[in-house]
C-alpha atoms as a PDB file:
ATOM      1  CA  MET A   1      69.701  88.068 109.055  1.00  0.00           C
ATOM      2  CA  ASN A   2      67.472  89.123 106.185  1.00  0.00           C
ATOM      3  CA  ARG A   3      67.746  92.845 105.563  1.00  0.00           C
ATOM      4  CA  ILE A   4      64.413  94.636 105.621  1.00  0.00           C
ATOM      5  CA  GLN A   5      63.472  98.214 105.199  1.00  0.00           C
ATOM      6  CA  LEU A   6      62.248  99.517 108.549  1.00  0.00           C
ATOM      7  CA  SER A   7      59.228 101.775 108.444  1.00  0.00           C
ATOM      8  CA  SER A   8      58.545 104.459 111.063  1.00  0.00           C
ATOM      9  CA  THR A   9      55.920 102.102 112.533  1.00  0.00           C
ATOM     10  CA  ASP A  10      58.499  99.353 112.807  1.00  0.00           C
ATOM     11  CA  ARG A  11      60.775 101.688 114.609  1.00  0.00           C
ATOM     12  CA  ARG A  12      58.020 102.687 117.070  1.00  0.00           C
ATOM     13  CA  ILE A  13      57.464  98.957 117.712  1.00  0.00           C
ATOM     14  CA  LEU A  14      61.117  98.414 118.270  1.00  0.00           C
ATOM     15  CA  SER A  15      61.351 101.403 120.641  1.00  0.00           C
ATOM     16  CA  GLU A  16      58.347 100.237 122.738  1.00  0.00           C
ATOM     17  CA  LEU A  17      59.765  96.656 122.923  1.00  0.00           C
ATOM     18  CA  ALA A  18      63.163  98.035 123.926  1.00  0.00           C
ATOM     19  CA  ARG A  19      61.487  99.808 126.781  1.00  0.00           C
ATOM     20  CA  ASP A  20      59.447  96.742 127.862  1.00  0.00           C
ATOM     21  CA  GLY A  21      59.978  93.460 126.040  1.00  0.00           C
ATOM     22  CA  ARG A  22      57.095  91.951 128.141  1.00  0.00           C
ATOM     23  CA  LEU A  23      54.355  94.149 126.567  1.00  0.00           C
ATOM     24  CA  SER A  24      51.404  92.131 125.445  1.00  0.00           C
ATOM     25  CA  ASN A  25      50.545  92.396 121.841  1.00  0.00           C
ATOM     26  CA  LYS A  26      47.320  94.303 122.888  1.00  0.00           C
ATOM     27  CA  ASP A  27      49.187  96.906 124.838  1.00  0.00           C
ATOM     28  CA  LEU A  28      51.912  97.156 122.120  1.00  0.00           C
ATOM     29  CA  ALA A  29      49.304  97.678 119.401  1.00  0.00           C
ATOM     30  CA  ALA A  30      47.648 100.376 121.476  1.00  0.00           C
ATOM     31  CA  LYS A  31      50.951 102.243 122.026  1.00  0.00           C
ATOM     32  CA  VAL A  32      51.832 102.250 118.324  1.00  0.00           C
ATOM     33  CA  ASP A  33      48.138 102.797 117.166  1.00  0.00           C
ATOM     34  CA  LEU A  34      47.814  99.604 115.090  1.00  0.00           C
ATOM     35  CA  PRO A  35      45.176  96.868 115.012  1.00  0.00           C
ATOM     36  CA  ARG A  36      46.301  93.948 117.179  1.00  0.00           C
ATOM     37  CA  SER A  37      46.606  91.561 114.146  1.00  0.00           C
ATOM     38  CA  THR A  38      48.692  94.059 112.137  1.00  0.00           C
ATOM     39  CA  CYS A  39      50.931  94.625 115.121  1.00  0.00           C
ATOM     40  CA  HIS A  40      51.414  90.927 115.683  1.00  0.00           C
ATOM     41  CA  GLY A  41      52.337  90.424 112.057  1.00  0.00           C
ATOM     42  CA  ARG A  42      54.857  93.215 112.126  1.00  0.00           C
ATOM     43  CA  VAL A  43      56.495  91.857 115.301  1.00  0.00           C
ATOM     44  CA  ARG A  44      56.604  88.379 113.685  1.00  0.00           C
ATOM     45  CA  ALA A  45      58.237  89.814 110.539  1.00  0.00           C
ATOM     46  CA  LEU A  46      60.810  91.651 112.683  1.00  0.00           C
ATOM     47  CA  GLU A  47      61.558  88.440 114.554  1.00  0.00           C
ATOM     48  CA  GLU A  48      61.859  86.372 111.382  1.00  0.00           C
ATOM     49  CA  ALA A  49      64.157  88.928 109.734  1.00  0.00           C
ATOM     50  CA  GLY A  50      66.428  88.752 112.811  1.00  0.00           C
ATOM     51  CA  VAL A  51      65.837  92.410 113.725  1.00  0.00           C
ATOM     52  CA  ILE A  52      64.371  91.244 116.973  1.00  0.00           C
ATOM     53  CA  ARG A  53      66.970  88.649 118.190  1.00  0.00           C
ATOM     54  CA  GLY A  54      65.141  87.534 121.256  1.00  0.00           C
ATOM     55  CA  TYR A  55      63.726  88.505 124.659  1.00  0.00           C
ATOM     56  CA  HIS A  56      65.389  88.159 127.965  1.00  0.00           C
ATOM     57  CA  ALA A  57      65.176  88.978 131.669  1.00  0.00           C
ATOM     58  CA  ASP A  58      67.580  91.693 132.840  1.00  0.00           C
ATOM     59  CA  ILE A  59      68.824  90.166 136.069  1.00  0.00           C
ATOM     60  CA  ASP A  60      70.627  92.278 138.557  1.00  0.00           C
ATOM     61  CA  PRO A  61      73.954  90.572 139.148  1.00  0.00           C
ATOM     62  CA  GLU A  62      74.197  91.830 142.697  1.00  0.00           C
ATOM     63  CA  ALA A  63      70.946  90.153 143.564  1.00  0.00           C
ATOM     64  CA  VAL A  64      72.319  86.808 142.602  1.00  0.00           C
ATOM     65  CA  GLY A  65      75.764  87.085 144.207  1.00  0.00           C
ATOM     66  CA  GLY A  66      77.701  89.285 141.725  1.00  0.00           C
ATOM     67  CA  ALA A  67      78.345  92.337 143.968  1.00  0.00           C
ATOM     68  CA  VAL A  68      81.419  93.312 141.999  1.00  0.00           C
ATOM     69  CA  GLU A  69      81.182  94.030 138.336  1.00  0.00           C
ATOM     70  CA  ALA A  70      83.939  94.772 135.881  1.00  0.00           C
ATOM     71  CA  MET A  71      84.682  95.356 132.291  1.00  0.00           C
ATOM     72  CA  ILE A  72      87.812  93.370 131.332  1.00  0.00           C
ATOM     73  CA  PHE A  73      89.572  94.273 128.097  1.00  0.00           C
ATOM     74  CA  VAL A  74      91.355  91.274 126.653  1.00  0.00           C
ATOM     75  CA  SER A  75      93.950  90.785 123.987  1.00  0.00           C
ATOM     76  CA  VAL A  76      94.786  87.522 122.244  1.00  0.00           C
ATOM     77  CA  HIS A  77      98.177  86.498 120.907  1.00  0.00           C
ATOM     78  CA  ASN A  78      98.729  87.080 117.213  1.00  0.00           C
ATOM     79  CA  ALA A  79      98.868  83.420 116.508  1.00  0.00           C
ATOM     80  CA  VAL A  80      95.226  83.043 117.728  1.00  0.00           C
ATOM     81  CA  ARG A  81      93.625  85.794 115.551  1.00  0.00           C
ATOM     82  CA  ASN A  82      92.227  83.302 113.076  1.00  0.00           C
ATOM     83  CA  ARG A  83      90.373  81.568 116.021  1.00  0.00           C
ATOM     84  CA  LEU A  84      88.536  84.526 117.531  1.00  0.00           C
ATOM     85  CA  PRO A  85      85.163  82.948 117.358  1.00  0.00           C
ATOM     86  CA  GLY A  86      86.253  79.901 119.216  1.00  0.00           C
ATOM     87  CA  VAL A  87      87.923  81.969 121.832  1.00  0.00           C
ATOM     88  CA  ALA A  88      84.752  84.120 122.204  1.00  0.00           C
ATOM     89  CA  ASN A  89      82.715  80.933 122.716  1.00  0.00           C
ATOM     90  CA  ARG A  90      85.186  79.809 125.494  1.00  0.00           C
ATOM     91  CA  LEU A  91      84.939  83.133 127.146  1.00  0.00           C
ATOM     92  CA  ARG A  92      81.141  83.169 127.082  1.00  0.00           C
ATOM     93  CA  ALA A  93      81.013  79.774 128.893  1.00  0.00           C
ATOM     94  CA  ILE A  94      83.074  81.097 132.005  1.00  0.00           C
ATOM     95  CA  PRO A  95      80.843  81.351 135.083  1.00  0.00           C
ATOM     96  CA  GLY A  96      80.405  85.007 135.963  1.00  0.00           C
ATOM     97  CA  VAL A  97      80.730  86.273 132.329  1.00  0.00           C
ATOM     98  CA  GLN A  98      77.618  88.478 131.620  1.00  0.00           C
ATOM     99  CA  ARG A  99      78.529  89.577 128.018  1.00  0.00           C
ATOM    100  CA  VAL A 100      81.420  89.185 125.536  1.00  0.00           C
ATOM    101  CA  TYR A 101      82.069  91.901 122.967  1.00  0.00           C
ATOM    102  CA  LEU A 102      84.410  91.411 120.084  1.00  0.00           C
ATOM    103  CA  ILE A 103      85.928  94.883 119.504  1.00  0.00           C
ATOM    104  CA  GLY A 104      88.478  96.726 117.307  1.00  0.00           C
ATOM    105  CA  GLY A 105      91.413  98.753 118.751  1.00  0.00           C
ATOM    106  CA  ASN A 106      94.074  97.827 121.221  1.00  0.00           C
ATOM    107  CA  HIS A 107      92.082  94.812 122.585  1.00  0.00           C
ATOM    108  CA  ASP A 108      90.124  92.012 120.923  1.00  0.00           C
ATOM    109  CA  PHE A 109      87.400  91.421 123.469  1.00  0.00           C
ATOM    110  CA  VAL A 110      85.611  93.156 126.372  1.00  0.00           C
ATOM    111  CA  LEU A 111      84.103  90.916 128.998  1.00  0.00           C
ATOM    112  CA  HIS A 112      81.372  92.063 131.387  1.00  0.00           C
ATOM    113  CA  VAL A 113      81.870  90.054 134.495  1.00  0.00           C
ATOM    114  CA  ALA A 114      80.170  89.837 137.828  1.00  0.00           C
ATOM    115  CA  CYS A 115      81.868  88.262 140.952  1.00  0.00           C
ATOM    116  CA  GLU A 116      80.848  88.123 144.566  1.00  0.00           C
ATOM    117  CA  SER A 117      83.879  90.215 145.760  1.00  0.00           C
ATOM    118  CA  VAL A 118      87.178  91.832 144.687  1.00  0.00           C
ATOM    119  CA  PRO A 119      89.066  88.732 145.769  1.00  0.00           C
ATOM    120  CA  ALA A 120      86.730  86.561 143.687  1.00  0.00           C
ATOM    121  CA  LEU A 121      87.392  88.936 140.710  1.00  0.00           C
ATOM    122  CA  ARG A 122      91.172  88.531 141.288  1.00  0.00           C
ATOM    123  CA  ASP A 123      90.682  84.653 141.406  1.00  0.00           C
ATOM    124  CA  PHE A 124      88.489  84.862 138.158  1.00  0.00           C
ATOM    125  CA  MET A 125      91.329  86.708 136.482  1.00  0.00           C
ATOM    126  CA  LYS A 126      93.979  84.254 137.570  1.00  0.00           C
ATOM    127  CA  LEU A 127      91.980  81.096 137.031  1.00  0.00           C
ATOM    128  CA  HIS A 128      90.224  81.840 133.719  1.00  0.00           C
ATOM    129  CA  LEU A 129      92.220  84.541 131.980  1.00  0.00           C
ATOM    130  CA  GLY A 130      95.769  84.292 133.282  1.00  0.00           C
ATOM    131  CA  SER A 131      96.022  80.628 132.670  1.00  0.00           C
ATOM    132  CA  ASP A 132      94.659  80.651 129.078  1.00  0.00           C
ATOM    133  CA  PRO A 133      97.617  80.361 126.634  1.00  0.00           C
ATOM    134  CA  ASP A 134      95.635  82.063 123.913  1.00  0.00           C
ATOM    135  CA  LEU A 135      95.149  85.228 125.924  1.00  0.00           C
ATOM    136  CA  GLY A 136      97.614  87.961 126.328  1.00  0.00           C
ATOM    137  CA  ARG A 137      97.254  91.368 127.989  1.00  0.00           C
ATOM    138  CA  THR A 138      94.226  92.188 130.111  1.00  0.00           C
ATOM    139  CA  GLU A 139      92.933  95.502 131.544  1.00  0.00           C
ATOM    140  CA  THR A 140      90.294  95.599 134.165  1.00  0.00           C
ATOM    141  CA  GLN A 141      87.900  98.494 134.990  1.00  0.00           C
ATOM    142  CA  ILE A 142      85.664  98.112 138.041  1.00  0.00           C
ATOM    143  CA  ILE A 143      82.051  99.249 137.390  1.00  0.00           C
ATOM    144  CA  PHE A 144      80.983 101.490 140.298  1.00  0.00           C
ATOM    145  CA  GLU A 145      77.409 101.998 139.014  1.00  0.00           C
ATOM    146  CA  GLN A 146      75.363 100.905 135.986  1.00  0.00           C
ATOM    147  CA  ARG A 147      72.484 102.731 134.445  1.00  0.00           C
ATOM    148  CA  ALA A 148      70.701 100.956 131.613  1.00  0.00           C
ATOM    149  CA  GLY A 149      69.492 103.185 128.846  1.00  0.00           C
ATOM    150  CA  LEU A 150      66.801 102.540 126.405  1.00  0.00           C
ATOM    151  CA  SER A 151      67.885 101.278 123.016  1.00  0.00           C
ATOM    152  CA  ALA A 152      67.849 104.201 120.597  1.00  0.00           C
ATOM    153  CA  ILE A 153      66.228 103.197 117.325  1.00  0.00           C
ATOM    154  CA  PRO A 154      67.649 105.543 114.653  1.00  0.00           C
ATOM    155  CA  GLU A 155      65.099 107.168 112.341  1.00  0.00           C
END
């Protein structure tokens, strides 16, 4: 990522896109009070610099069969520490994994997973995590409710 200095206008653009990534350039320009061509150029510059990493659909896991969601904290064995990126890629490829976070502290990863039921979550743990020789201890937290917040863009 190229480091760029973000202006207050860039931060307003980012805040609006964090709220609604489907805004048309016309609507975005109106919200941030810029001419359309200037707004388009700034968005392109933010994309090229890697500040805007992409756009995606926020899909409700329950609507597509993932009625039970959980955060699973995963530790790897010490001998695997030099291969964390490869382990992360393997974890991302497991069906049902929504997100993978590399973290510091007592664990190495947090997996956000969605399964159709609690028994399916148990099977997920056994099949994909319990049988992986690189993985050690896991800790699972069931998600009862999720409320997405808007990305805060620091001033």
